[in-house]
Amino acid sequence: MRAAATESALAFIRGTLPRGLCQVENLALVWGCDRRTVHRRLALEGASFTLLVEEERRQLAAAAIASDAPMGEIAPQLGFTSLSTFSRWYRHSFGRTPTAGRRGD
């Protein structure tokens, strides 16, 4: 079980990532604090905003690539503004292209 701040941050990430609003500054507004306080609260629980976003993106990307969703629809759902940016991130994160991931290569 995750601690309260981490769970709250994950809920925020899940809700804002597809809308392109997943930024620590926006979470700070929701929590009524500044971004440094967000980082401190998460650090107390052994988490970081950046790593939580990456973890969520990796999980969502794996599921999306396994589906029949067009690549052009997957990128914005994960908070990427372009397919090429998503493809570079995917290759860095998974060690293969999204197409290879879909094929199971």
PDB file of N, CA and C in Angstrom:
ATOM      1  N   MET A   1       0.841  -1.188   0.000  1.00  0.00           N
ATOM      2  CA  MET A   1       0.000   0.000   0.000  1.00  0.00           C
ATOM      3  C   MET A   1       0.877   1.240   0.000  1.00  0.00           C
ATOM      4  N   ARG A   2       0.507   2.198  -0.800  1.00  0.00           N
ATOM      5  CA  ARG A   2       1.267   3.441  -0.888  1.00  0.00           C
ATOM      6  C   ARG A   2       0.763   4.448   0.137  1.00  0.00           C
ATOM      7  N   ALA A   3       1.626   5.382   0.470  1.00  0.00           N
ATOM      8  CA  ALA A   3       1.272   6.416   1.437  1.00  0.00           C
ATOM      9  C   ALA A   3       0.340   7.448   0.794  1.00  0.00           C
ATOM     10  N   ALA A   4      -0.267   8.269   1.623  1.00  0.00           N
ATOM     11  CA  ALA A   4      -1.333   9.182   1.196  1.00  0.00           C
ATOM     12  C   ALA A   4      -0.901  10.176   0.118  1.00  0.00           C
ATOM     13  N   ALA A   5       0.232  10.828   0.298  1.00  0.00           N
ATOM     14  CA  ALA A   5       0.670  11.824  -0.690  1.00  0.00           C
ATOM     15  C   ALA A   5       0.970  11.149  -2.023  1.00  0.00           C
ATOM     16  N   THR A   6       1.577   9.988  -1.984  1.00  0.00           N
ATOM     17  CA  THR A   6       1.892   9.261  -3.207  1.00  0.00           C
ATOM     18  C   THR A   6       0.616   8.845  -3.924  1.00  0.00           C
ATOM     19  N   GLU A   7      -0.350   8.334  -3.196  1.00  0.00           N
ATOM     20  CA  GLU A   7      -1.637   7.951  -3.800  1.00  0.00           C
ATOM     21  C   GLU A   7      -2.340   9.157  -4.414  1.00  0.00           C
ATOM     22  N   SER A   8      -2.317  10.270  -3.703  1.00  0.00           N
ATOM     23  CA  SER A   8      -2.931  11.493  -4.211  1.00  0.00           C
ATOM     24  C   SER A   8      -2.231  11.955  -5.483  1.00  0.00           C
ATOM     25  N   ALA A   9      -0.913  11.904  -5.488  1.00  0.00           N
ATOM     26  CA  ALA A   9      -0.146  12.301  -6.669  1.00  0.00           C
ATOM     27  C   ALA A   9      -0.455  11.381  -7.844  1.00  0.00           C
ATOM     28  N   LEU A  10      -0.545  10.081  -7.599  1.00  0.00           N
ATOM     29  CA  LEU A  10      -0.866   9.131  -8.670  1.00  0.00           C
ATOM     30  C   LEU A  10      -2.257   9.387  -9.246  1.00  0.00           C
ATOM     31  N   ALA A  11      -3.207   9.681  -8.397  1.00  0.00           N
ATOM     32  CA  ALA A  11      -4.556   9.995  -8.881  1.00  0.00           C
ATOM     33  C   ALA A  11      -4.520  11.246  -9.759  1.00  0.00           C
ATOM     34  N   PHE A  12      -3.755  12.233  -9.332  1.00  0.00           N
ATOM     35  CA  PHE A  12      -3.597  13.459 -10.122  1.00  0.00           C
ATOM     36  C   PHE A  12      -2.956  13.140 -11.472  1.00  0.00           C
ATOM     37  N   ILE A  13      -1.900  12.350 -11.454  1.00  0.00           N
ATOM     38  CA  ILE A  13      -1.183  11.990 -12.683  1.00  0.00           C
ATOM     39  C   ILE A  13      -2.118  11.263 -13.650  1.00  0.00           C
ATOM     40  N   ARG A  14      -2.859  10.299 -13.148  1.00  0.00           N
ATOM     41  CA  ARG A  14      -3.783   9.534 -13.999  1.00  0.00           C
ATOM     42  C   ARG A  14      -4.855  10.426 -14.620  1.00  0.00           C
ATOM     43  N   GLY A  15      -5.297  11.410 -13.869  1.00  0.00           N
ATOM     44  CA  GLY A  15      -6.339  12.302 -14.372  1.00  0.00           C
ATOM     45  C   GLY A  15      -5.852  13.383 -15.313  1.00  0.00           C
ATOM     46  N   THR A  16      -4.607  13.775 -15.190  1.00  0.00           N
ATOM     47  CA  THR A  16      -4.122  14.909 -15.979  1.00  0.00           C
ATOM     48  C   THR A  16      -3.198  14.534 -17.125  1.00  0.00           C
ATOM     49  N   LEU A  17      -2.588  13.370 -17.076  1.00  0.00           N
ATOM     50  CA  LEU A  17      -1.647  12.973 -18.123  1.00  0.00           C
ATOM     51  C   LEU A  17      -2.275  13.010 -19.517  1.00  0.00           C
ATOM     52  N   PRO A  18      -3.448  12.425 -19.720  1.00  0.00           N
ATOM     53  CA  PRO A  18      -4.035  12.447 -21.065  1.00  0.00           C
ATOM     54  C   PRO A  18      -4.455  13.840 -21.526  1.00  0.00           C
ATOM     55  N   ARG A  19      -4.601  14.768 -20.600  1.00  0.00           N
ATOM     56  CA  ARG A  19      -5.035  16.121 -20.966  1.00  0.00           C
ATOM     57  C   ARG A  19      -3.867  17.093 -21.106  1.00  0.00           C
ATOM     58  N   GLY A  20      -2.646  16.600 -20.933  1.00  0.00           N
ATOM     59  CA  GLY A  20      -1.474  17.449 -21.063  1.00  0.00           C
ATOM     60  C   GLY A  20      -1.281  18.421 -19.910  1.00  0.00           C
ATOM     61  N   LEU A  21      -1.885  18.130 -18.773  1.00  0.00           N
ATOM     62  CA  LEU A  21      -1.811  19.027 -17.619  1.00  0.00           C
ATOM     63  C   LEU A  21      -1.002  18.446 -16.468  1.00  0.00           C
ATOM     64  N   CYS A  22      -0.277  17.385 -16.738  1.00  0.00           N
ATOM     65  CA  CYS A  22       0.450  16.682 -15.689  1.00  0.00           C
ATOM     66  C   CYS A  22       1.789  17.365 -15.423  1.00  0.00           C
ATOM     67  N   GLN A  23       1.731  18.368 -14.570  1.00  0.00           N
ATOM     68  CA  GLN A  23       2.919  19.121 -14.180  1.00  0.00           C
ATOM     69  C   GLN A  23       2.900  19.288 -12.672  1.00  0.00           C
ATOM     70  N   VAL A  24       4.077  19.253 -12.088  1.00  0.00           N
ATOM     71  CA  VAL A  24       4.171  19.360 -10.628  1.00  0.00           C
ATOM     72  C   VAL A  24       3.571  20.683 -10.139  1.00  0.00           C
ATOM     73  N   GLU A  25       3.675  21.735 -10.938  1.00  0.00           N
ATOM     74  CA  GLU A  25       3.101  23.020 -10.554  1.00  0.00           C
ATOM     75  C   GLU A  25       1.578  22.928 -10.427  1.00  0.00           C
ATOM     76  N   ASN A  26       0.956  22.148 -11.303  1.00  0.00           N
ATOM     77  CA  ASN A  26      -0.497  21.974 -11.223  1.00  0.00           C
ATOM     78  C   ASN A  26      -0.889  21.144 -10.008  1.00  0.00           C
ATOM     79  N   LEU A  27      -0.096  20.138  -9.685  1.00  0.00           N
ATOM     80  CA  LEU A  27      -0.360  19.367  -8.472  1.00  0.00           C
ATOM     81  C   LEU A  27      -0.217  20.261  -7.242  1.00  0.00           C
ATOM     82  N   ALA A  28       0.775  21.123  -7.250  1.00  0.00           N
ATOM     83  CA  ALA A  28       0.969  22.056  -6.135  1.00  0.00           C
ATOM     84  C   ALA A  28      -0.247  22.959  -5.961  1.00  0.00           C
ATOM     85  N   LEU A  29      -0.834  23.397  -7.063  1.00  0.00           N
ATOM     86  CA  LEU A  29      -2.055  24.217  -6.977  1.00  0.00           C
ATOM     87  C   LEU A  29      -3.189  23.423  -6.344  1.00  0.00           C
ATOM     88  N   VAL A  30      -3.330  22.173  -6.746  1.00  0.00           N
ATOM     89  CA  VAL A  30      -4.377  21.312  -6.186  1.00  0.00           C
ATOM     90  C   VAL A  30      -4.160  21.111  -4.691  1.00  0.00           C
ATOM     91  N   TRP A  31      -2.927  20.892  -4.297  1.00  0.00           N
ATOM     92  CA  TRP A  31      -2.600  20.673  -2.890  1.00  0.00           C
ATOM     93  C   TRP A  31      -2.529  21.969  -2.089  1.00  0.00           C
ATOM     94  N   GLY A  32      -2.527  23.112  -2.763  1.00  0.00           N
ATOM     95  CA  GLY A  32      -2.462  24.394  -2.064  1.00  0.00           C
ATOM     96  C   GLY A  32      -1.092  24.686  -1.465  1.00  0.00           C
ATOM     97  N   CYS A  33      -0.046  24.334  -2.211  1.00  0.00           N
ATOM     98  CA  CYS A  33       1.320  24.554  -1.733  1.00  0.00           C
ATOM     99  C   CYS A  33       2.193  24.895  -2.930  1.00  0.00           C
ATOM    100  N   ASP A  34       3.495  25.022  -2.719  1.00  0.00           N
ATOM    101  CA  ASP A  34       4.376  25.234  -3.864  1.00  0.00           C
ATOM    102  C   ASP A  34       4.992  23.909  -4.292  1.00  0.00           C
ATOM    103  N   ARG A  35       5.644  23.917  -5.454  1.00  0.00           N
ATOM    104  CA  ARG A  35       6.163  22.668  -6.018  1.00  0.00           C
ATOM    105  C   ARG A  35       7.230  22.032  -5.138  1.00  0.00           C
ATOM    106  N   ARG A  36       8.011  22.839  -4.436  1.00  0.00           N
ATOM    107  CA  ARG A  36       9.031  22.271  -3.546  1.00  0.00           C
ATOM    108  C   ARG A  36       8.394  21.477  -2.413  1.00  0.00           C
ATOM    109  N   THR A  37       7.249  21.957  -1.935  1.00  0.00           N
ATOM    110  CA  THR A  37       6.536  21.225  -0.884  1.00  0.00           C
ATOM    111  C   THR A  37       6.029  19.889  -1.415  1.00  0.00           C
ATOM    112  N   VAL A  38       5.551  19.873  -2.650  1.00  0.00           N
ATOM    113  CA  VAL A  38       5.130  18.613  -3.271  1.00  0.00           C
ATOM    114  C   VAL A  38       6.302  17.638  -3.279  1.00  0.00           C
ATOM    115  N   HIS A  39       7.450  18.112  -3.743  1.00  0.00           N
ATOM    116  CA  HIS A  39       8.633  17.243  -3.795  1.00  0.00           C
ATOM    117  C   HIS A  39       9.015  16.746  -2.400  1.00  0.00           C
ATOM    118  N   ARG A  40       8.955  17.616  -1.404  1.00  0.00           N
ATOM    119  CA  ARG A  40       9.307  17.210  -0.035  1.00  0.00           C
ATOM    120  C   ARG A  40       8.328  16.172   0.510  1.00  0.00           C
ATOM    121  N   ARG A  41       7.025  16.398   0.305  1.00  0.00           N
ATOM    122  CA  ARG A  41       6.023  15.442   0.803  1.00  0.00           C
ATOM    123  C   ARG A  41       6.204  14.065   0.172  1.00  0.00           C
ATOM    124  N   LEU A  42       6.452  14.053  -1.120  1.00  0.00           N
ATOM    125  CA  LEU A  42       6.654  12.772  -1.798  1.00  0.00           C
ATOM    126  C   LEU A  42       7.959  12.122  -1.357  1.00  0.00           C
ATOM    127  N   ALA A  43       9.000  12.925  -1.178  1.00  0.00           N
ATOM    128  CA  ALA A  43      10.292  12.388  -0.741  1.00  0.00           C
ATOM    129  C   ALA A  43      10.185  11.738   0.636  1.00  0.00           C
ATOM    130  N   LEU A  44       9.352  12.300   1.501  1.00  0.00           N
ATOM    131  CA  LEU A  44       9.151  11.701   2.827  1.00  0.00           C
ATOM    132  C   LEU A  44       8.571  10.291   2.725  1.00  0.00           C
ATOM    133  N   GLU A  45       7.876  10.033   1.626  1.00  0.00           N
ATOM    134  CA  GLU A  45       7.282   8.719   1.401  1.00  0.00           C
ATOM    135  C   GLU A  45       8.131   7.861   0.459  1.00  0.00           C
ATOM    136  N   GLY A  46       9.309   8.365   0.117  1.00  0.00           N
ATOM    137  CA  GLY A  46      10.202   7.613  -0.755  1.00  0.00           C
ATOM    138  C   GLY A  46       9.815   7.664  -2.216  1.00  0.00           C
ATOM    139  N   ALA A  47       9.111   8.699  -2.609  1.00  0.00           N
ATOM    140  CA  ALA A  47       8.650   8.822  -3.994  1.00  0.00           C
ATOM    141  C   ALA A  47       9.144  10.134  -4.590  1.00  0.00           C
ATOM    142  N   SER A  48       8.998  10.237  -5.896  1.00  0.00           N
ATOM    143  CA  SER A  48       9.274  11.498  -6.578  1.00  0.00           C
ATOM    144  C   SER A  48       8.230  11.672  -7.676  1.00  0.00           C
ATOM    145  N   PHE A  49       7.861  12.905  -7.931  1.00  0.00           N
ATOM    146  CA  PHE A  49       6.846  13.194  -8.941  1.00  0.00           C
ATOM    147  C   PHE A  49       7.294  12.670 -10.303  1.00  0.00           C
ATOM    148  N   THR A  50       8.528  12.932 -10.658  1.00  0.00           N
ATOM    149  CA  THR A  50       9.045  12.506 -11.954  1.00  0.00           C
ATOM    150  C   THR A  50       8.997  10.990 -12.111  1.00  0.00           C
ATOM    151  N   LEU A  51       9.414  10.279 -11.088  1.00  0.00           N
ATOM    152  CA  LEU A  51       9.389   8.811 -11.173  1.00  0.00           C
ATOM    153  C   LEU A  51       7.972   8.265 -11.199  1.00  0.00           C
ATOM    154  N   LEU A  52       7.057   8.903 -10.498  1.00  0.00           N
ATOM    155  CA  LEU A  52       5.655   8.468 -10.534  1.00  0.00           C
ATOM    156  C   LEU A  52       5.068   8.665 -11.927  1.00  0.00           C
ATOM    157  N   VAL A  53       5.382   9.789 -12.561  1.00  0.00           N
ATOM    158  CA  VAL A  53       4.903  10.031 -13.926  1.00  0.00           C
ATOM    159  C   VAL A  53       5.483   8.986 -14.872  1.00  0.00           C
ATOM    160  N   GLU A  54       6.778   8.725 -14.758  1.00  0.00           N
ATOM    161  CA  GLU A  54       7.414   7.728 -15.620  1.00  0.00           C
ATOM    162  C   GLU A  54       6.807   6.343 -15.420  1.00  0.00           C
ATOM    163  N   GLU A  55       6.586   5.970 -14.161  1.00  0.00           N
ATOM    164  CA  GLU A  55       5.988   4.659 -13.864  1.00  0.00           C
ATOM    165  C   GLU A  55       4.602   4.545 -14.489  1.00  0.00           C
ATOM    166  N   GLU A  56       3.804   5.574 -14.340  1.00  0.00           N
ATOM    167  CA  GLU A  56       2.446   5.557 -14.902  1.00  0.00           C
ATOM    168  C   GLU A  56       2.499   5.516 -16.427  1.00  0.00           C
ATOM    169  N   ARG A  57       3.382   6.318 -17.028  1.00  0.00           N
ATOM    170  CA  ARG A  57       3.523   6.316 -18.482  1.00  0.00           C
ATOM    171  C   ARG A  57       3.930   4.939 -18.991  1.00  0.00           C
ATOM    172  N   ARG A  58       4.867   4.299 -18.317  1.00  0.00           N
ATOM    173  CA  ARG A  58       5.320   2.973 -18.747  1.00  0.00           C
ATOM    174  C   ARG A  58       4.166   1.968 -18.706  1.00  0.00           C
ATOM    175  N   GLN A  59       3.379   2.000 -17.642  1.00  0.00           N
ATOM    176  CA  GLN A  59       2.246   1.076 -17.532  1.00  0.00           C
ATOM    177  C   GLN A  59       1.208   1.347 -18.617  1.00  0.00           C
ATOM    178  N   LEU A  60       0.872   2.615 -18.808  1.00  0.00           N
ATOM    179  CA  LEU A  60      -0.113   2.979 -19.827  1.00  0.00           C
ATOM    180  C   LEU A  60       0.399   2.666 -21.228  1.00  0.00           C
ATOM    181  N   ALA A  61       1.684   2.923 -21.464  1.00  0.00           N
ATOM    182  CA  ALA A  61       2.259   2.663 -22.782  1.00  0.00           C
ATOM    183  C   ALA A  61       2.238   1.176 -23.099  1.00  0.00           C
ATOM    184  N   ALA A  62       2.602   0.360 -22.136  1.00  0.00           N
ATOM    185  CA  ALA A  62       2.604  -1.088 -22.361  1.00  0.00           C
ATOM    186  C   ALA A  62       1.206  -1.579 -22.723  1.00  0.00           C
ATOM    187  N   ALA A  63       0.205  -1.098 -22.004  1.00  0.00           N
ATOM    188  CA  ALA A  63      -1.176  -1.503 -22.291  1.00  0.00           C
ATOM    189  C   ALA A  63      -1.643  -0.964 -23.639  1.00  0.00           C
ATOM    190  N   ALA A  64      -1.310   0.279 -23.955  1.00  0.00           N
ATOM    191  CA  ALA A  64      -1.750   0.885 -25.211  1.00  0.00           C
ATOM    192  C   ALA A  64      -1.097   0.226 -26.417  1.00  0.00           C
ATOM    193  N   ILE A  65       0.187  -0.086 -26.295  1.00  0.00           N
ATOM    194  CA  ILE A  65       0.895  -0.732 -27.402  1.00  0.00           C
ATOM    195  C   ILE A  65       0.323  -2.125 -27.653  1.00  0.00           C
ATOM    196  N   ALA A  66      -0.100  -2.801 -26.602  1.00  0.00           N
ATOM    197  CA  ALA A  66      -0.684  -4.135 -26.744  1.00  0.00           C
ATOM    198  C   ALA A  66      -2.070  -4.081 -27.377  1.00  0.00           C
ATOM    199  N   SER A  67      -2.699  -2.920 -27.366  1.00  0.00           N
ATOM    200  CA  SER A  67      -4.035  -2.778 -27.949  1.00  0.00           C
ATOM    201  C   SER A  67      -3.910  -2.450 -29.437  1.00  0.00           C
ATOM    202  N   ASP A  68      -5.048  -2.264 -30.060  1.00  0.00           N
ATOM    203  CA  ASP A  68      -5.069  -1.889 -31.476  1.00  0.00           C
ATOM    204  C   ASP A  68      -5.151  -0.383 -31.670  1.00  0.00           C
ATOM    205  N   ALA A  69      -4.963   0.383 -30.624  1.00  0.00           N
ATOM    206  CA  ALA A  69      -5.059   1.840 -30.729  1.00  0.00           C
ATOM    207  C   ALA A  69      -3.992   2.367 -31.684  1.00  0.00           C
ATOM    208  N   PRO A  70      -4.363   3.301 -32.546  1.00  0.00           N
ATOM    209  CA  PRO A  70      -3.375   3.892 -33.453  1.00  0.00           C
ATOM    210  C   PRO A  70      -2.283   4.619 -32.663  1.00  0.00           C
ATOM    211  N   MET A  71      -1.053   4.528 -33.140  1.00  0.00           N
ATOM    212  CA  MET A  71       0.071   5.170 -32.469  1.00  0.00           C
ATOM    213  C   MET A  71      -0.178   6.666 -32.272  1.00  0.00           C
ATOM    214  N   GLY A  72      -0.817   7.278 -33.252  1.00  0.00           N
ATOM    215  CA  GLY A  72      -1.101   8.708 -33.167  1.00  0.00           C
ATOM    216  C   GLY A  72      -2.050   9.074 -32.042  1.00  0.00           C
ATOM    217  N   GLU A  73      -2.821   8.112 -31.555  1.00  0.00           N
ATOM    218  CA  GLU A  73      -3.718   8.361 -30.424  1.00  0.00           C
ATOM    219  C   GLU A  73      -3.044   8.057 -29.092  1.00  0.00           C
ATOM    220  N   ILE A  74      -2.064   7.176 -29.117  1.00  0.00           N
ATOM    221  CA  ILE A  74      -1.385   6.785 -27.876  1.00  0.00           C
ATOM    222  C   ILE A  74      -0.541   7.932 -27.333  1.00  0.00           C
ATOM    223  N   ALA A  75       0.193   8.603 -28.198  1.00  0.00           N
ATOM    224  CA  ALA A  75       1.106   9.667 -27.763  1.00  0.00           C
ATOM    225  C   ALA A  75       0.405  10.735 -26.917  1.00  0.00           C
ATOM    226  N   PRO A  76      -0.704  11.321 -27.377  1.00  0.00           N
ATOM    227  CA  PRO A  76      -1.352  12.348 -26.559  1.00  0.00           C
ATOM    228  C   PRO A  76      -1.932  11.803 -25.248  1.00  0.00           C
ATOM    229  N   GLN A  77      -2.374  10.539 -25.248  1.00  0.00           N
ATOM    230  CA  GLN A  77      -2.901   9.944 -24.024  1.00  0.00           C
ATOM    231  C   GLN A  77      -1.841   9.850 -22.938  1.00  0.00           C
ATOM    232  N   LEU A  78      -0.580   9.811 -23.349  1.00  0.00           N
ATOM    233  CA  LEU A  78       0.521   9.716 -22.398  1.00  0.00           C
ATOM    234  C   LEU A  78       1.166  11.071 -22.134  1.00  0.00           C
ATOM    235  N   GLY A  79       0.566  12.123 -22.666  1.00  0.00           N
ATOM    236  CA  GLY A  79       1.057  13.470 -22.404  1.00  0.00           C
ATOM    237  C   GLY A  79       2.132  13.954 -23.354  1.00  0.00           C
ATOM    238  N   PHE A  80       2.300  13.275 -24.491  1.00  0.00           N
ATOM    239  CA  PHE A  80       3.296  13.696 -25.468  1.00  0.00           C
ATOM    240  C   PHE A  80       2.630  14.544 -26.539  1.00  0.00           C
ATOM    241  N   THR A  81       3.326  15.584 -26.981  1.00  0.00           N
ATOM    242  CA  THR A  81       2.755  16.489 -27.974  1.00  0.00           C
ATOM    243  C   THR A  81       2.968  16.008 -29.401  1.00  0.00           C
ATOM    244  N   SER A  82       3.858  15.041 -29.575  1.00  0.00           N
ATOM    245  CA  SER A  82       4.075  14.528 -30.924  1.00  0.00           C
ATOM    246  C   SER A  82       4.390  13.031 -30.875  1.00  0.00           C
ATOM    247  N   LEU A  83       4.131  12.387 -31.997  1.00  0.00           N
ATOM    248  CA  LEU A  83       4.410  10.960 -32.110  1.00  0.00           C
ATOM    249  C   LEU A  83       5.914  10.696 -32.051  1.00  0.00           C
ATOM    250  N   SER A  84       6.705  11.591 -32.626  1.00  0.00           N
ATOM    251  CA  SER A  84       8.155  11.380 -32.611  1.00  0.00           C
ATOM    252  C   SER A  84       8.714  11.474 -31.192  1.00  0.00           C
ATOM    253  N   THR A  85       8.192  12.382 -30.389  1.00  0.00           N
ATOM    254  CA  THR A  85       8.637  12.484 -29.000  1.00  0.00           C
ATOM    255  C   THR A  85       8.262  11.225 -28.234  1.00  0.00           C
ATOM    256  N   PHE A  86       7.047  10.742 -28.451  1.00  0.00           N
ATOM    257  CA  PHE A  86       6.617   9.494 -27.821  1.00  0.00           C
ATOM    258  C   PHE A  86       7.517   8.337 -28.248  1.00  0.00           C
ATOM    259  N   SER A  87       7.812   8.250 -29.540  1.00  0.00           N
ATOM    260  CA  SER A  87       8.636   7.151 -30.051  1.00  0.00           C
ATOM    261  C   SER A  87      10.031   7.164 -29.437  1.00  0.00           C
ATOM    262  N   ARG A  88      10.636   8.351 -29.309  1.00  0.00           N
ATOM    263  CA  ARG A  88      11.961   8.441 -28.671  1.00  0.00           C
ATOM    264  C   ARG A  88      11.889   8.008 -27.211  1.00  0.00           C
ATOM    265  N   TRP A  89      10.857   8.491 -26.499  1.00  0.00           N
ATOM    266  CA  TRP A  89      10.693   8.101 -25.094  1.00  0.00           C
ATOM    267  C   TRP A  89      10.498   6.595 -24.974  1.00  0.00           C
ATOM    268  N   TYR A  90       9.660   6.023 -25.835  1.00  0.00           N
ATOM    269  CA  TYR A  90       9.375   4.586 -25.780  1.00  0.00           C
ATOM    270  C   TYR A  90      10.650   3.787 -26.021  1.00  0.00           C
ATOM    271  N   ARG A  91      11.415   4.189 -27.022  1.00  0.00           N
ATOM    272  CA  ARG A  91      12.658   3.470 -27.322  1.00  0.00           C
ATOM    273  C   ARG A  91      13.615   3.555 -26.134  1.00  0.00           C
ATOM    274  N   HIS A  92      13.714   4.710 -25.521  1.00  0.00           N
ATOM    275  CA  HIS A  92      14.596   4.884 -24.354  1.00  0.00           C
ATOM    276  C   HIS A  92      14.087   4.047 -23.173  1.00  0.00           C
ATOM    277  N   SER A  93      12.780   4.006 -22.970  1.00  0.00           N
ATOM    278  CA  SER A  93      12.189   3.321 -21.819  1.00  0.00           C
ATOM    279  C   SER A  93      12.141   1.804 -21.969  1.00  0.00           C
ATOM    280  N   PHE A  94      11.890   1.330 -23.181  1.00  0.00           N
ATOM    281  CA  PHE A  94      11.675  -0.097 -23.398  1.00  0.00           C
ATOM    282  C   PHE A  94      12.766  -0.763 -24.244  1.00  0.00           C
ATOM    283  N   GLY A  95      13.671   0.033 -24.806  1.00  0.00           N
ATOM    284  CA  GLY A  95      14.765  -0.538 -25.588  1.00  0.00           C
ATOM    285  C   GLY A  95      14.371  -1.024 -26.960  1.00  0.00           C
ATOM    286  N   ARG A  96      13.225  -0.599 -27.439  1.00  0.00           N
ATOM    287  CA  ARG A  96      12.762  -0.950 -28.780  1.00  0.00           C
ATOM    288  C   ARG A  96      11.749   0.086 -29.229  1.00  0.00           C
ATOM    289  N   THR A  97      11.437   0.079 -30.518  1.00  0.00           N
ATOM    290  CA  THR A  97      10.467   1.039 -31.040  1.00  0.00           C
ATOM    291  C   THR A  97       9.058   0.621 -30.640  1.00  0.00           C
ATOM    292  N   PRO A  98       8.115   1.553 -30.669  1.00  0.00           N
ATOM    293  CA  PRO A  98       6.729   1.167 -30.384  1.00  0.00           C
ATOM    294  C   PRO A  98       6.202   0.105 -31.347  1.00  0.00           C
ATOM    295  N   THR A  99       6.586   0.204 -32.592  1.00  0.00           N
ATOM    296  CA  THR A  99       6.151  -0.795 -33.583  1.00  0.00           C
ATOM    297  C   THR A  99       6.694  -2.171 -33.239  1.00  0.00           C
ATOM    298  N   ALA A 100       7.958  -2.229 -32.857  1.00  0.00           N
ATOM    299  CA  ALA A 100       8.548  -3.511 -32.445  1.00  0.00           C
ATOM    300  C   ALA A 100       7.864  -4.028 -31.189  1.00  0.00           C
ATOM    301  N   GLY A 101       7.518  -3.126 -30.294  1.00  0.00           N
ATOM    302  CA  GLY A 101       6.803  -3.521 -29.086  1.00  0.00           C
ATOM    303  C   GLY A 101       5.439  -4.106 -29.408  1.00  0.00           C
ATOM    304  N   ARG A 102       4.769  -3.520 -30.361  1.00  0.00           N
ATOM    305  CA  ARG A 102       3.460  -4.013 -30.769  1.00  0.00           C
ATOM    306  C   ARG A 102       3.574  -5.388 -31.417  1.00  0.00           C
ATOM    307  N   ARG A 103       4.607  -5.579 -32.215  1.00  0.00           N
ATOM    308  CA  ARG A 103       4.822  -6.867 -32.879  1.00  0.00           C
ATOM    309  C   ARG A 103       5.335  -7.934 -31.906  1.00  0.00           C
ATOM    310  N   GLY A 104       5.840  -7.498 -30.766  1.00  0.00           N
ATOM    311  CA  GLY A 104       6.397  -8.444 -29.816  1.00  0.00           C
ATOM    312  C   GLY A 104       7.849  -8.789 -30.065  1.00  0.00           C
ATOM    313  N   ASP A 105       8.502  -7.982 -30.903  1.00  0.00           N
ATOM    314  CA  ASP A 105       9.930  -8.203 -31.212  1.00  0.00           C
ATOM    315  C   ASP A 105      10.808  -7.911 -30.031  1.00  0.00           C
TER     316      ASP A 105
END
